[in-house]
C-alpha atoms as a PDB file:
ATOM      1  CA  MET A   1      -9.582 -29.291 -32.300  1.00  0.00           C
ATOM      2  CA  ALA A   2      -7.033 -26.817 -30.961  1.00  0.00           C
ATOM      3  CA  PRO A   3      -6.646 -26.806 -27.164  1.00  0.00           C
ATOM      4  CA  SER A   4      -8.325 -23.913 -25.372  1.00  0.00           C
ATOM      5  CA  LEU A   5      -5.946 -21.341 -23.982  1.00  0.00           C
ATOM      6  CA  PRO A   6      -6.029 -20.447 -20.275  1.00  0.00           C
ATOM      7  CA  ALA A   7      -7.541 -17.116 -19.312  1.00  0.00           C
ATOM      8  CA  PRO A   8      -4.786 -14.489 -19.175  1.00  0.00           C
ATOM      9  CA  SER A   9      -3.526 -13.339 -15.802  1.00  0.00           C
ATOM     10  CA  ARG A  10      -4.470  -9.910 -14.485  1.00  0.00           C
ATOM     11  CA  LYS A  11      -0.821  -9.310 -13.609  1.00  0.00           C
ATOM     12  CA  LEU A  12       0.816  -7.128 -16.242  1.00  0.00           C
ATOM     13  CA  ILE A  13       4.128  -8.980 -16.055  1.00  0.00           C
ATOM     14  CA  GLU A  14       2.485 -12.329 -16.831  1.00  0.00           C
ATOM     15  CA  LEU A  15       0.948 -11.072 -20.087  1.00  0.00           C
ATOM     16  CA  THR A  16       2.734 -11.172 -23.402  1.00  0.00           C
ATOM     17  CA  SER A  17       3.317  -7.865 -25.137  1.00  0.00           C
ATOM     18  CA  ALA A  18       0.544  -8.680 -27.630  1.00  0.00           C
ATOM     19  CA  GLU A  19      -1.870  -9.582 -24.826  1.00  0.00           C
ATOM     20  CA  SER A  20      -1.175  -6.329 -23.001  1.00  0.00           C
ATOM     21  CA  ALA A  21      -1.854  -4.377 -26.195  1.00  0.00           C
ATOM     22  CA  ARG A  22      -5.135  -6.209 -26.724  1.00  0.00           C
ATOM     23  CA  LEU A  23      -6.470  -6.402 -23.169  1.00  0.00           C
ATOM     24  CA  ILE A  24      -5.477  -3.142 -21.471  1.00  0.00           C
ATOM     25  CA  THR A  25      -7.550  -0.183 -22.664  1.00  0.00           C
ATOM     26  CA  GLU A  26      -7.987   3.511 -21.918  1.00  0.00           C
ATOM     27  CA  THR A  27     -10.574   2.738 -19.226  1.00  0.00           C
ATOM     28  CA  SER A  28      -8.582  -0.025 -17.485  1.00  0.00           C
ATOM     29  CA  ILE A  29      -7.386   0.655 -13.940  1.00  0.00           C
ATOM     30  CA  LEU A  30      -3.749  -0.085 -13.166  1.00  0.00           C
ATOM     31  CA  CYS A  31      -3.079  -1.163  -9.559  1.00  0.00           C
ATOM     32  CA  LEU A  32       0.352  -0.416  -8.121  1.00  0.00           C
ATOM     33  CA  PRO A  33       1.533  -2.017  -4.843  1.00  0.00           C
ATOM     34  CA  LEU A  34       3.908   0.360  -3.055  1.00  0.00           C
ATOM     35  CA  GLY A  35       5.904  -0.913  -0.113  1.00  0.00           C
ATOM     36  CA  SER A  36       9.075  -0.409   1.902  1.00  0.00           C
ATOM     37  CA  ILE A  37      12.032  -2.488   3.041  1.00  0.00           C
ATOM     38  CA  GLU A  38      12.492  -1.746   6.739  1.00  0.00           C
ATOM     39  CA  GLN A  39      12.768  -3.215  10.192  1.00  0.00           C
ATOM     40  CA  HIS A  40       9.528  -4.472  11.700  1.00  0.00           C
ATOM     41  CA  GLY A  41      10.829  -5.614  15.056  1.00  0.00           C
ATOM     42  CA  PRO A  42      12.198  -9.066  15.848  1.00  0.00           C
ATOM     43  CA  HIS A  43       9.111 -10.936  14.642  1.00  0.00           C
ATOM     44  CA  LEU A  44       8.408  -9.624  11.109  1.00  0.00           C
ATOM     45  CA  PRO A  45      10.573  -9.605   7.966  1.00  0.00           C
ATOM     46  CA  LEU A  46      12.028  -6.551   6.283  1.00  0.00           C
ATOM     47  CA  ASN A  47       9.642  -6.932   3.333  1.00  0.00           C
ATOM     48  CA  THR A  48       6.463  -6.843   5.458  1.00  0.00           C
ATOM     49  CA  ASP A  49       5.110  -3.742   3.716  1.00  0.00           C
ATOM     50  CA  VAL A  50       5.772  -5.255   0.281  1.00  0.00           C
ATOM     51  CA  VAL A  51       4.049  -8.524   1.219  1.00  0.00           C
ATOM     52  CA  ILE A  52       1.021  -6.600   2.514  1.00  0.00           C
ATOM     53  CA  ALA A  53       0.834  -4.208  -0.457  1.00  0.00           C
ATOM     54  CA  GLU A  54       1.122  -7.032  -2.987  1.00  0.00           C
ATOM     55  CA  GLY A  55      -1.232  -9.322  -1.080  1.00  0.00           C
ATOM     56  CA  LEU A  56      -3.970  -6.724  -0.701  1.00  0.00           C
ATOM     57  CA  THR A  57      -3.608  -5.620  -4.327  1.00  0.00           C
ATOM     58  CA  ARG A  58      -3.926  -9.252  -5.385  1.00  0.00           C
ATOM     59  CA  GLU A  59      -7.100  -9.657  -3.317  1.00  0.00           C
ATOM     60  CA  ILE A  60      -8.647  -6.454  -4.680  1.00  0.00           C
ATOM     61  CA  VAL A  61      -7.858  -7.466  -8.266  1.00  0.00           C
ATOM     62  CA  ALA A  62      -9.235 -10.966  -7.651  1.00  0.00           C
ATOM     63  CA  HIS A  63     -12.542  -9.604  -6.282  1.00  0.00           C
ATOM     64  CA  TRP A  64     -13.113  -6.546  -8.482  1.00  0.00           C
ATOM     65  CA  GLY A  65     -10.895  -7.160 -11.513  1.00  0.00           C
ATOM     66  CA  GLU A  66     -13.639  -8.166 -13.919  1.00  0.00           C
ATOM     67  CA  GLU A  67     -16.087  -5.452 -12.816  1.00  0.00           C
ATOM     68  CA  PHE A  68     -13.568  -2.584 -12.983  1.00  0.00           C
ATOM     69  CA  ASP A  69     -11.021  -3.990 -15.471  1.00  0.00           C
ATOM     70  CA  LEU A  70      -8.152  -3.995 -12.958  1.00  0.00           C
ATOM     71  CA  TRP A  71      -4.539  -4.921 -13.781  1.00  0.00           C
ATOM     72  CA  GLN A  72      -1.840  -5.480 -11.169  1.00  0.00           C
ATOM     73  CA  LEU A  73       1.509  -3.802 -11.758  1.00  0.00           C
ATOM     74  CA  PRO A  74       4.791  -5.072 -10.290  1.00  0.00           C
ATOM     75  CA  ALA A  75       5.439  -3.702  -6.808  1.00  0.00           C
ATOM     76  CA  VAL A  76       7.681  -0.762  -5.998  1.00  0.00           C
ATOM     77  CA  PRO A  77       9.530  -2.300  -3.040  1.00  0.00           C
ATOM     78  CA  VAL A  78      11.630   0.562  -1.638  1.00  0.00           C
ATOM     79  CA  GLY A  79      10.048   3.699  -0.249  1.00  0.00           C
ATOM     80  CA  LEU A  80      10.694   6.334   2.426  1.00  0.00           C
ATOM     81  CA  ALA A  81      11.893   4.696   5.643  1.00  0.00           C
ATOM     82  CA  ARG A  82      14.238   7.153   7.355  1.00  0.00           C
ATOM     83  CA  GLU A  83      12.427   6.638  10.663  1.00  0.00           C
ATOM     84  CA  HIS A  84      13.849   3.101  10.637  1.00  0.00           C
ATOM     85  CA  ASP A  85      17.339   3.786   9.254  1.00  0.00           C
ATOM     86  CA  TRP A  86      18.959   2.985  12.589  1.00  0.00           C
ATOM     87  CA  ALA A  87      18.227  -0.704  11.965  1.00  0.00           C
ATOM     88  CA  ALA A  88      20.203  -3.164   9.864  1.00  0.00           C
ATOM     89  CA  GLY A  89      18.540  -4.089   6.569  1.00  0.00           C
ATOM     90  CA  THR A  90      16.384  -0.967   6.283  1.00  0.00           C
ATOM     91  CA  LEU A  91      16.488   0.546   2.786  1.00  0.00           C
ATOM     92  CA  SER A  92      15.229   4.069   2.106  1.00  0.00           C
ATOM     93  CA  LEU A  93      15.148   6.397  -0.845  1.00  0.00           C
ATOM     94  CA  SER A  94      15.550  10.126  -0.299  1.00  0.00           C
ATOM     95  CA  ILE A  95      12.445  12.238  -0.823  1.00  0.00           C
ATOM     96  CA  THR A  96      13.838  13.497  -4.136  1.00  0.00           C
ATOM     97  CA  GLY A  97      14.752   9.954  -5.182  1.00  0.00           C
ATOM     98  CA  PHE A  98      11.305   8.633  -4.244  1.00  0.00           C
ATOM     99  CA  VAL A  99       9.530  11.377  -6.176  1.00  0.00           C
ATOM    100  CA  ALA A 100      11.823  10.945  -9.174  1.00  0.00           C
ATOM    101  CA  HIS A 101      11.295   7.174  -9.200  1.00  0.00           C
ATOM    102  CA  LEU A 102       7.499   7.441  -9.171  1.00  0.00           C
ATOM    103  CA  ARG A 103       7.546  10.185 -11.786  1.00  0.00           C
ATOM    104  CA  GLU A 104       9.737   8.015 -14.026  1.00  0.00           C
ATOM    105  CA  LEU A 105       7.352   5.115 -13.482  1.00  0.00           C
ATOM    106  CA  ALA A 106       4.368   7.315 -14.369  1.00  0.00           C
ATOM    107  CA  GLY A 107       6.114   8.389 -17.551  1.00  0.00           C
ATOM    108  CA  THR A 108       6.828   4.853 -18.691  1.00  0.00           C
ATOM    109  CA  LEU A 109       3.274   3.735 -17.854  1.00  0.00           C
ATOM    110  CA  VAL A 110       1.706   6.390 -20.074  1.00  0.00           C
ATOM    111  CA  ARG A 111       4.174   5.543 -22.841  1.00  0.00           C
ATOM    112  CA  ALA A 112       3.683   1.784 -22.663  1.00  0.00           C
ATOM    113  CA  LEU A 113      -0.038   1.474 -21.939  1.00  0.00           C
ATOM    114  CA  PRO A 114      -3.225   3.322 -22.921  1.00  0.00           C
ATOM    115  CA  ALA A 115      -4.714   3.189 -19.395  1.00  0.00           C
ATOM    116  CA  ARG A 116      -4.753   6.500 -17.529  1.00  0.00           C
ATOM    117  CA  ASN A 117      -6.390   5.304 -14.307  1.00  0.00           C
ATOM    118  CA  LEU A 118      -4.011   4.421 -11.471  1.00  0.00           C
ATOM    119  CA  LEU A 119      -4.785   3.015  -8.018  1.00  0.00           C
ATOM    120  CA  ILE A 120      -1.800   2.934  -5.640  1.00  0.00           C
ATOM    121  CA  LEU A 121      -1.990   0.502  -2.715  1.00  0.00           C
ATOM    122  CA  ASN A 122       0.382   1.994  -0.138  1.00  0.00           C
ATOM    123  CA  GLY A 123       1.754  -0.536   2.330  1.00  0.00           C
ATOM    124  CA  HIS A 124       3.929   1.911   4.311  1.00  0.00           C
ATOM    125  CA  GLY A 125       2.684   4.868   6.344  1.00  0.00           C
ATOM    126  CA  GLY A 126       5.943   6.751   5.854  1.00  0.00           C
ATOM    127  CA  ASN A 127       5.182   7.125   2.136  1.00  0.00           C
ATOM    128  CA  ARG A 128       1.890   8.879   2.786  1.00  0.00           C
ATOM    129  CA  GLY A 129       2.843  12.547   3.256  1.00  0.00           C
ATOM    130  CA  VAL A 130       4.852  12.805   0.048  1.00  0.00           C
ATOM    131  CA  LEU A 131       2.284  10.821  -1.935  1.00  0.00           C
ATOM    132  CA  GLU A 132      -0.489  13.257  -1.074  1.00  0.00           C
ATOM    133  CA  THR A 133       1.398  16.067  -2.808  1.00  0.00           C
ATOM    134  CA  LEU A 134       2.833  13.894  -5.570  1.00  0.00           C
ATOM    135  CA  LEU A 135      -0.671  12.893  -6.688  1.00  0.00           C
ATOM    136  CA  LEU A 136      -1.152  16.429  -8.003  1.00  0.00           C
ATOM    137  CA  GLU A 137       1.957  16.084 -10.177  1.00  0.00           C
ATOM    138  CA  LEU A 138       0.973  12.645 -11.442  1.00  0.00           C
ATOM    139  CA  ALA A 139      -2.390  14.092 -12.460  1.00  0.00           C
ATOM    140  CA  GLY A 140      -1.184  17.420 -13.817  1.00  0.00           C
ATOM    141  CA  ASP A 141       2.055  16.359 -15.499  1.00  0.00           C
ATOM    142  CA  PHE A 142       1.132  12.882 -16.757  1.00  0.00           C
ATOM    143  CA  GLY A 143      -2.655  13.010 -17.141  1.00  0.00           C
ATOM    144  CA  LEU A 144      -3.210  10.193 -14.644  1.00  0.00           C
ATOM    145  CA  ASN A 145      -6.508   9.814 -12.847  1.00  0.00           C
ATOM    146  CA  VAL A 146      -4.995   8.576  -9.604  1.00  0.00           C
ATOM    147  CA  CYS A 147      -5.679   7.859  -5.945  1.00  0.00           C
ATOM    148  CA  VAL A 148      -3.972   6.055  -3.062  1.00  0.00           C
ATOM    149  CA  ILE A 149      -5.445   3.468  -0.695  1.00  0.00           C
ATOM    150  CA  HIS A 150      -3.962   3.400   2.809  1.00  0.00           C
ATOM    151  CA  PRO A 151      -5.299  -0.001   3.847  1.00  0.00           C
ATOM    152  CA  PHE A 152      -5.105   0.120   7.632  1.00  0.00           C
ATOM    153  CA  ASP A 153      -6.997   3.418   7.643  1.00  0.00           C
ATOM    154  CA  LEU A 154      -9.463   2.219   5.013  1.00  0.00           C
ATOM    155  CA  ALA A 155     -10.387  -0.946   6.937  1.00  0.00           C
ATOM    156  CA  LYS A 156     -13.498  -0.671   9.094  1.00  0.00           C
ATOM    157  CA  ILE A 157     -12.625  -2.622  12.221  1.00  0.00           C
ATOM    158  CA  ASP A 158     -13.273  -2.103  15.928  1.00  0.00           C
ATOM    159  CA  ARG A 159     -10.436   0.003  17.359  1.00  0.00           C
ATOM    160  CA  SER A 160     -12.080   0.999  20.629  1.00  0.00           C
ATOM    161  CA  PHE A 161      -9.961  -1.216  22.875  1.00  0.00           C
ATOM    162  CA  ALA A 162      -6.803  -1.442  20.821  1.00  0.00           C
ATOM    163  CA  ALA A 163      -3.440  -0.187  22.051  1.00  0.00           C
ATOM    164  CA  PRO A 164      -1.822   2.495  19.861  1.00  0.00           C
ATOM    165  CA  ASP A 165      -0.925   0.626  16.685  1.00  0.00           C
ATOM    166  CA  VAL A 166       1.665   2.363  14.546  1.00  0.00           C
ATOM    167  CA  HIS A 167       4.327  -0.059  13.361  1.00  0.00           C
ATOM    168  CA  GLY A 168       4.834  -3.804  13.577  1.00  0.00           C
ATOM    169  CA  GLY A 169       1.995  -4.124  16.063  1.00  0.00           C
ATOM    170  CA  GLN A 170      -1.321  -5.955  16.224  1.00  0.00           C
ATOM    171  CA  HIS A 171      -2.690  -5.037  12.799  1.00  0.00           C
ATOM    172  CA  GLU A 172       0.410  -5.495  10.630  1.00  0.00           C
ATOM    173  CA  THR A 173       1.292  -8.723  12.410  1.00  0.00           C
ATOM    174  CA  SER A 174      -2.275  -9.999  12.037  1.00  0.00           C
ATOM    175  CA  VAL A 175      -2.334  -9.326   8.296  1.00  0.00           C
ATOM    176  CA  MET A 176       1.029 -11.054   7.922  1.00  0.00           C
ATOM    177  CA  LEU A 177      -0.329 -14.058   9.831  1.00  0.00           C
ATOM    178  CA  ALA A 178      -3.166 -14.190   7.297  1.00  0.00           C
ATOM    179  CA  LEU A 179      -1.044 -13.592   4.177  1.00  0.00           C
ATOM    180  CA  ALA A 180       2.346 -15.148   4.961  1.00  0.00           C
ATOM    181  CA  PRO A 181       2.329 -16.948   8.318  1.00  0.00           C
ATOM    182  CA  ASP A 182       5.591 -18.736   7.521  1.00  0.00           C
ATOM    183  CA  LEU A 183       7.393 -15.355   7.619  1.00  0.00           C
ATOM    184  CA  VAL A 184       6.180 -14.433  11.131  1.00  0.00           C
ATOM    185  CA  ARG A 185       8.405 -15.285  14.105  1.00  0.00           C
ATOM    186  CA  ARG A 186       5.398 -15.477  16.405  1.00  0.00           C
ATOM    187  CA  GLU A 187       7.371 -16.437  19.512  1.00  0.00           C
ATOM    188  CA  LEU A 188       9.274 -13.126  19.315  1.00  0.00           C
ATOM    189  CA  ALA A 189       6.159 -10.896  19.173  1.00  0.00           C
ATOM    190  CA  ALA A 190       6.066  -8.683  22.271  1.00  0.00           C
ATOM    191  CA  GLU A 191       3.249  -7.033  24.228  1.00  0.00           C
ATOM    192  CA  PHE A 192       2.718  -3.283  24.090  1.00  0.00           C
ATOM    193  CA  ASP A 193       4.545  -1.492  26.921  1.00  0.00           C
ATOM    194  CA  ARG A 194       5.210   2.099  25.784  1.00  0.00           C
ATOM    195  CA  LYS A 195       3.658   5.309  27.098  1.00  0.00           C
ATOM    196  CA  ARG A 196       0.440   6.265  25.336  1.00  0.00           C
ATOM    197  CA  ASP A 197       0.889   9.971  26.126  1.00  0.00           C
ATOM    198  CA  ALA A 198       4.205  10.167  24.252  1.00  0.00           C
ATOM    199  CA  ILE A 199       2.726   8.330  21.260  1.00  0.00           C
ATOM    200  CA  ARG A 200      -0.254  10.680  21.151  1.00  0.00           C
ATOM    201  CA  ALA A 201       1.978  13.780  21.421  1.00  0.00           C
ATOM    202  CA  LEU A 202       4.735  12.804  18.980  1.00  0.00           C
ATOM    203  CA  ILE A 203       2.781  10.802  16.374  1.00  0.00           C
ATOM    204  CA  PHE A 204      -0.959  11.435  16.513  1.00  0.00           C
ATOM    205  CA  ASP A 205      -1.172  15.133  17.456  1.00  0.00           C
ATOM    206  CA  ARG A 206      -2.443  16.825  14.288  1.00  0.00           C
ATOM    207  CA  GLY A 207      -1.419  20.270  15.585  1.00  0.00           C
ATOM    208  CA  THR A 208       2.318  19.559  15.541  1.00  0.00           C
ATOM    209  CA  SER A 209       4.585  17.386  13.407  1.00  0.00           C
ATOM    210  CA  TRP A 210       7.675  15.709  14.861  1.00  0.00           C
ATOM    211  CA  PRO A 211      10.458  13.659  13.176  1.00  0.00           C
ATOM    212  CA  TRP A 212       9.669  10.646  15.326  1.00  0.00           C
ATOM    213  CA  ARG A 213      11.699   7.464  14.980  1.00  0.00           C
ATOM    214  CA  THR A 214      11.278   3.856  15.971  1.00  0.00           C
ATOM    215  CA  ASP A 215      14.473   3.845  18.015  1.00  0.00           C
ATOM    216  CA  ASP A 216      12.933   6.353  20.455  1.00  0.00           C
ATOM    217  CA  PRO A 217      12.457   4.432  23.736  1.00  0.00           C
ATOM    218  CA  ARG A 218       9.466   6.608  24.623  1.00  0.00           C
ATOM    219  CA  LEU A 219       7.592   5.215  21.619  1.00  0.00           C
ATOM    220  CA  ALA A 220       8.954   1.838  20.623  1.00  0.00           C
ATOM    221  CA  ARG A 221      10.231  -1.453  21.968  1.00  0.00           C
ATOM    222  CA  ASP A 222      12.664  -3.215  19.633  1.00  0.00           C
ATOM    223  CA  GLY A 223      11.401  -0.995  16.821  1.00  0.00           C
ATOM    224  CA  VAL A 224       7.728  -1.881  17.390  1.00  0.00           C
ATOM    225  CA  ILE A 225       4.966   0.555  18.300  1.00  0.00           C
ATOM    226  CA  GLY A 226       1.941  -1.602  19.065  1.00  0.00           C
ATOM    227  CA  ASP A 227       0.839  -4.849  20.657  1.00  0.00           C
ATOM    228  CA  ALA A 228       2.215  -7.548  18.357  1.00  0.00           C
ATOM    229  CA  ALA A 229       1.417 -10.257  20.898  1.00  0.00           C
ATOM    230  CA  ALA A 230      -2.307  -9.542  20.471  1.00  0.00           C
ATOM    231  CA  ALA A 231      -2.205 -10.357  16.749  1.00  0.00           C
ATOM    232  CA  SER A 232      -4.202 -13.173  15.202  1.00  0.00           C
ATOM    233  CA  ALA A 233      -4.752 -14.619  11.763  1.00  0.00           C
ATOM    234  CA  GLU A 234      -8.500 -14.136  12.310  1.00  0.00           C
ATOM    235  CA  LEU A 235      -8.058 -10.381  12.815  1.00  0.00           C
ATOM    236  CA  GLY A 236      -5.782 -10.282   9.768  1.00  0.00           C
ATOM    237  CA  ALA A 237      -8.425 -11.994   7.634  1.00  0.00           C
ATOM    238  CA  ALA A 238     -11.039  -9.520   8.898  1.00  0.00           C
ATOM    239  CA  ILE A 239      -8.814  -6.558   7.997  1.00  0.00           C
ATOM    240  CA  ILE A 240      -8.168  -7.960   4.525  1.00  0.00           C
ATOM    241  CA  LYS A 241     -11.873  -8.625   3.976  1.00  0.00           C
ATOM    242  CA  SER A 242     -12.764  -5.083   5.044  1.00  0.00           C
ATOM    243  CA  VAL A 243     -10.102  -3.493   2.822  1.00  0.00           C
ATOM    244  CA  VAL A 244     -11.379  -5.458  -0.168  1.00  0.00           C
ATOM    245  CA  GLU A 245     -14.984  -4.491   0.555  1.00  0.00           C
ATOM    246  CA  GLU A 246     -14.176  -0.804   1.092  1.00  0.00           C
ATOM    247  CA  ALA A 247     -12.034  -0.742  -2.056  1.00  0.00           C
ATOM    248  CA  ARG A 248     -15.109  -1.090  -4.241  1.00  0.00           C
ATOM    249  CA  ALA A 249     -16.356   2.387  -3.307  1.00  0.00           C
ATOM    250  CA  VAL A 250     -12.870   3.776  -4.005  1.00  0.00           C
ATOM    251  CA  LEU A 251     -12.878   2.163  -7.441  1.00  0.00           C
ATOM    252  CA  VAL A 252     -16.319   3.605  -8.174  1.00  0.00           C
ATOM    253  CA  ARG A 253     -15.081   7.091  -7.245  1.00  0.00           C
ATOM    254  CA  LEU A 254     -11.935   6.646  -9.299  1.00  0.00           C
ATOM    255  CA  ARG A 255     -13.966   5.644 -12.342  1.00  0.00           C
ATOM    256  CA  GLU A 256     -16.352   8.561 -11.822  1.00  0.00           C
ATOM    257  CA  SER A 257     -13.410  10.959 -11.451  1.00  0.00           C
ATOM    258  CA  ALA A 258     -12.185   9.974 -14.908  1.00  0.00           C
ATOM    259  CA  ARG A 259     -15.524  11.141 -16.327  1.00  0.00           C
ATOM    260  CA  HIS A 260     -15.887  14.323 -14.290  1.00  0.00           C
ATOM    261  CA  PRO A 261     -15.929  17.366 -16.577  1.00  0.00           C
ATOM    262  CA  ASP A 262     -14.035  19.513 -14.041  1.00  0.00           C
ATOM    263  CA  SER A 263     -11.183  17.033 -13.594  1.00  0.00           C
ATOM    264  CA  ASP A 264      -8.087  17.776 -15.709  1.00  0.00           C
ATOM    265  CA  ALA A 265      -6.764  14.275 -15.077  1.00  0.00           C
ATOM    266  CA  GLY A 266     -10.101  12.796 -16.028  1.00  0.00           C
ATOM    267  CA  ALA A 267     -10.264  14.839 -19.219  1.00  0.00           C
ATOM    268  CA  ARG A 268      -6.817  13.617 -20.260  1.00  0.00           C
ATOM    269  CA  SER A 269      -7.669   9.998 -19.473  1.00  0.00           C
ATOM    270  CA  ARG A 270     -10.654   9.793 -21.836  1.00  0.00           C
END
């Protein structure tokens, strides 16, 4: 009797070409981790956003892959990180380069695969503004039924007593402690000591936009805006669990959007 073959991976790059042709269909959902290579203070590695994007995508695919026919794409590691370009090791595309790269990726996806449903897991807040406009092009120009998850906003956790948490602080450090504790220099994680008023005015005020940077001493300490010392693996696990749970409703909406008669992207994806 011939030996039974292992179940194929739900990572595209681990399939053979023949397996991808057989397993990925028009109704499959492709899941793209999108990160950034940038400073995260003295305690976190440059690839923090990539580790988080890939790790959360992996967890979502593991939990909901069979129900929603999810397939994990290789990560896009470099994004928009000009707010960190003062620091050694930070890599950043220009806005035009970032848009061109994702448009090229969209084009090759629709050429290579029949799936027209795309879930982007964005690990870097600096990518968000451009993505929100780019989604319209990915839908209109490539026929993709697409949405973006911003995991730290999606997670339902108690924020009532938390210090402002923008970059390299309690939440990112906690998720890294849960996903890749060996990469965290825990002894170098510092307590929050910046002025809340400046953070509210320059970052969180929805009435005005500022080109804030993480070398601004009003906002950051060693490139960190948040209380990294308050991080814990337990909080990281809770954030991951919440993101995975909340992702199900996003996947339901994405699947429904593909069937909506008023959605151009949905009409093209059928």
